[in-house]
Amino acid sequence: MTNGMPIEDVSIGSDGIRLGQFLKFAGVFDSGGDVKEAIIDGLVTVNGEVDRRRGRQLQVGDVVAAEGRRVRVRP
């Protein structure tokens, strides 16, 4: 489903960031409430797998998909 989408690189300025923070930082969602709802509803994938943990620690290279976008964590 998401394989044909281009991947956007988003630099976080560090080695790690939480999933919820990253989705907001990358501009995938406008508010923390939208992030929380999408994650709970299973609309967010990390490296191709649904992840319902808003506090999941992402690492450089992880690819997050939501809202028709794929975004890769960069340092």
N, C-alpha and C. Protein backbone atom coordinates (compact mmCIF):
# COMPACT_ATOMS: atom_id res chain seq x y z
N MET A 1 0.81 -1.19 0.00
CA MET A 1 0.00 0.00 0.00
C MET A 1 0.86 1.26 0.00
N THR A 2 1.91 1.30 0.81
CA THR A 2 2.74 2.51 0.89
C THR A 2 4.02 2.39 0.08
N ASN A 3 4.26 1.24 -0.54
CA ASN A 3 5.54 1.02 -1.20
C ASN A 3 5.81 1.96 -2.36
N GLY A 4 4.78 2.45 -3.04
CA GLY A 4 4.99 3.31 -4.18
C GLY A 4 5.23 4.77 -3.83
N MET A 5 5.00 5.13 -2.58
CA MET A 5 5.17 6.52 -2.16
C MET A 5 6.64 6.86 -1.99
N PRO A 6 7.01 8.07 -2.39
CA PRO A 6 8.39 8.49 -2.13
C PRO A 6 8.61 8.66 -0.63
N ILE A 7 9.85 8.54 -0.23
CA ILE A 7 10.20 8.71 1.18
C ILE A 7 10.82 10.09 1.37
N GLU A 8 10.27 10.83 2.31
CA GLU A 8 10.82 12.14 2.67
C GLU A 8 11.78 11.95 3.84
N ASP A 9 12.93 12.58 3.79
CA ASP A 9 13.87 12.54 4.91
C ASP A 9 13.62 13.75 5.80
N VAL A 10 13.52 13.52 7.11
CA VAL A 10 13.33 14.60 8.07
C VAL A 10 14.43 14.49 9.12
N SER A 11 15.24 15.54 9.21
CA SER A 11 16.33 15.57 10.18
C SER A 11 15.80 15.98 11.54
N ILE A 12 16.11 15.17 12.56
CA ILE A 12 15.62 15.45 13.91
C ILE A 12 16.68 16.10 14.79
N GLY A 13 17.91 16.19 14.31
CA GLY A 13 18.97 16.85 15.08
C GLY A 13 19.50 16.05 16.25
N SER A 14 19.14 14.75 16.31
CA SER A 14 19.65 13.89 17.37
C SER A 14 19.56 12.44 16.89
N ASP A 15 19.82 11.50 17.78
CA ASP A 15 19.82 10.10 17.39
C ASP A 15 18.47 9.42 17.52
N GLY A 16 17.56 9.99 18.31
CA GLY A 16 16.28 9.34 18.52
C GLY A 16 15.18 10.34 18.85
N ILE A 17 13.93 9.91 18.63
CA ILE A 17 12.76 10.74 18.91
C ILE A 17 11.58 9.79 19.08
N ARG A 18 10.61 10.19 19.87
CA ARG A 18 9.42 9.36 20.06
C ARG A 18 8.49 9.49 18.85
N LEU A 19 7.74 8.42 18.59
CA LEU A 19 6.86 8.36 17.42
C LEU A 19 5.89 9.54 17.37
N GLY A 20 5.21 9.81 18.46
CA GLY A 20 4.24 10.91 18.49
C GLY A 20 4.88 12.25 18.20
N GLN A 21 6.04 12.48 18.80
CA GLN A 21 6.76 13.74 18.58
C GLN A 21 7.18 13.86 17.13
N PHE A 22 7.66 12.77 16.56
CA PHE A 22 8.16 12.80 15.19
C PHE A 22 7.04 13.12 14.20
N LEU A 23 5.88 12.51 14.38
CA LEU A 23 4.76 12.77 13.45
C LEU A 23 4.37 14.24 13.45
N LYS A 24 4.40 14.85 14.61
CA LYS A 24 4.06 16.27 14.69
C LYS A 24 5.21 17.12 14.14
N PHE A 25 6.43 16.78 14.51
CA PHE A 25 7.62 17.52 14.06
C PHE A 25 7.75 17.50 12.53
N ALA A 26 7.45 16.35 11.93
CA ALA A 26 7.57 16.20 10.48
C ALA A 26 6.39 16.84 9.73
N GLY A 27 5.39 17.30 10.48
CA GLY A 27 4.25 17.96 9.85
C GLY A 27 3.23 17.00 9.27
N VAL A 28 3.29 15.74 9.66
CA VAL A 28 2.32 14.76 9.17
C VAL A 28 0.95 15.06 9.78
N PHE A 29 0.94 15.46 11.05
CA PHE A 29 -0.28 15.87 11.74
C PHE A 29 -0.07 17.25 12.35
N ASP A 30 -1.16 17.99 12.48
CA ASP A 30 -1.08 19.35 13.01
C ASP A 30 -1.08 19.41 14.53
N SER A 31 -1.72 18.44 15.17
CA SER A 31 -1.84 18.51 16.62
C SER A 31 -1.52 17.18 17.27
N GLY A 32 -1.17 17.27 18.55
CA GLY A 32 -0.90 16.06 19.31
C GLY A 32 -2.13 15.17 19.41
N GLY A 33 -3.32 15.79 19.46
CA GLY A 33 -4.56 15.02 19.52
C GLY A 33 -4.76 14.19 18.27
N ASP A 34 -4.46 14.79 17.11
CA ASP A 34 -4.57 14.05 15.85
C ASP A 34 -3.59 12.89 15.81
N VAL A 35 -2.38 13.13 16.30
CA VAL A 35 -1.35 12.08 16.35
C VAL A 35 -1.84 10.92 17.20
N LYS A 36 -2.31 11.24 18.40
CA LYS A 36 -2.76 10.21 19.35
C LYS A 36 -3.88 9.38 18.74
N GLU A 37 -4.86 10.03 18.14
CA GLU A 37 -5.99 9.33 17.54
C GLU A 37 -5.55 8.40 16.41
N ALA A 38 -4.68 8.90 15.53
CA ALA A 38 -4.22 8.09 14.40
C ALA A 38 -3.44 6.86 14.87
N ILE A 39 -2.60 7.04 15.88
CA ILE A 39 -1.81 5.92 16.40
C ILE A 39 -2.73 4.89 17.05
N ILE A 40 -3.67 5.35 17.88
CA ILE A 40 -4.60 4.43 18.54
C ILE A 40 -5.44 3.67 17.51
N ASP A 41 -5.84 4.34 16.45
CA ASP A 41 -6.67 3.73 15.41
C ASP A 41 -5.88 2.82 14.47
N GLY A 42 -4.56 2.71 14.66
CA GLY A 42 -3.74 1.82 13.84
C GLY A 42 -3.46 2.35 12.45
N LEU A 43 -3.47 3.67 12.30
CA LEU A 43 -3.27 4.30 10.99
C LEU A 43 -1.82 4.68 10.73
N VAL A 44 -0.93 4.33 11.65
CA VAL A 44 0.48 4.69 11.53
C VAL A 44 1.32 3.41 11.50
N THR A 45 2.26 3.35 10.54
CA THR A 45 3.17 2.21 10.51
C THR A 45 4.60 2.69 10.70
N VAL A 46 5.40 1.82 11.30
CA VAL A 46 6.83 2.06 11.46
C VAL A 46 7.53 0.88 10.80
N ASN A 47 8.33 1.17 9.79
CA ASN A 47 9.03 0.13 9.04
C ASN A 47 8.06 -0.94 8.53
N GLY A 48 6.88 -0.49 8.08
CA GLY A 48 5.91 -1.37 7.47
C GLY A 48 4.96 -2.09 8.40
N GLU A 49 5.09 -1.89 9.71
CA GLU A 49 4.23 -2.57 10.67
C GLU A 49 3.46 -1.56 11.50
N VAL A 50 2.18 -1.82 11.73
CA VAL A 50 1.36 -0.94 12.56
C VAL A 50 1.96 -0.88 13.96
N ASP A 51 2.07 0.33 14.50
CA ASP A 51 2.58 0.49 15.86
C ASP A 51 1.65 1.45 16.60
N ARG A 52 1.09 0.99 17.69
CA ARG A 52 0.13 1.79 18.46
C ARG A 52 0.76 2.41 19.71
N ARG A 53 2.08 2.50 19.72
CA ARG A 53 2.78 3.08 20.88
C ARG A 53 3.28 4.49 20.54
N ARG A 54 2.57 5.47 21.02
CA ARG A 54 2.95 6.86 20.75
C ARG A 54 4.35 7.16 21.28
N GLY A 55 4.73 6.50 22.36
CA GLY A 55 6.02 6.74 22.98
C GLY A 55 7.14 5.87 22.42
N ARG A 56 6.87 5.10 21.37
CA ARG A 56 7.91 4.25 20.78
C ARG A 56 9.11 5.11 20.39
N GLN A 57 10.28 4.67 20.77
CA GLN A 57 11.51 5.39 20.45
C GLN A 57 11.94 5.04 19.04
N LEU A 58 11.94 6.02 18.15
CA LEU A 58 12.40 5.80 16.78
C LEU A 58 13.90 5.99 16.71
N GLN A 59 14.51 5.31 15.77
CA GLN A 59 15.94 5.42 15.55
C GLN A 59 16.18 5.97 14.15
N VAL A 60 17.36 6.51 13.94
CA VAL A 60 17.73 7.01 12.61
C VAL A 60 17.56 5.88 11.60
N GLY A 61 16.89 6.18 10.50
CA GLY A 61 16.65 5.19 9.45
C GLY A 61 15.26 4.59 9.46
N ASP A 62 14.55 4.72 10.59
CA ASP A 62 13.18 4.21 10.65
C ASP A 62 12.30 4.98 9.66
N VAL A 63 11.35 4.29 9.04
CA VAL A 63 10.42 4.91 8.10
C VAL A 63 9.01 4.83 8.69
N VAL A 64 8.41 6.00 8.84
CA VAL A 64 7.07 6.11 9.40
C VAL A 64 6.11 6.48 8.28
N ALA A 65 4.97 5.78 8.20
CA ALA A 65 3.97 6.08 7.17
C ALA A 65 2.64 6.42 7.82
N ALA A 66 2.02 7.50 7.33
CA ALA A 66 0.69 7.94 7.78
C ALA A 66 0.21 9.03 6.85
N GLU A 67 -1.11 9.14 6.73
CA GLU A 67 -1.70 10.23 5.95
C GLU A 67 -1.17 10.29 4.52
N GLY A 68 -0.87 9.13 3.95
CA GLY A 68 -0.39 9.10 2.57
C GLY A 68 1.05 9.56 2.39
N ARG A 69 1.80 9.62 3.48
CA ARG A 69 3.21 10.04 3.41
C ARG A 69 4.09 8.98 4.05
N ARG A 70 5.33 8.89 3.55
CA ARG A 70 6.37 8.07 4.19
C ARG A 70 7.51 8.99 4.55
N VAL A 71 7.91 8.96 5.82
CA VAL A 71 8.92 9.88 6.32
C VAL A 71 9.99 9.09 7.04
N ARG A 72 11.27 9.32 6.67
CA ARG A 72 12.40 8.61 7.26
C ARG A 72 13.10 9.50 8.28
N VAL A 73 13.42 8.92 9.42
CA VAL A 73 14.15 9.63 10.49
C VAL A 73 15.61 9.80 10.07
N ARG A 74 16.09 11.01 10.10
CA ARG A 74 17.49 11.32 9.82
C ARG A 74 18.09 12.11 10.97
N PRO A 75 19.40 11.97 11.20
CA PRO A 75 20.02 12.68 12.34
C PRO A 75 20.05 14.19 12.14
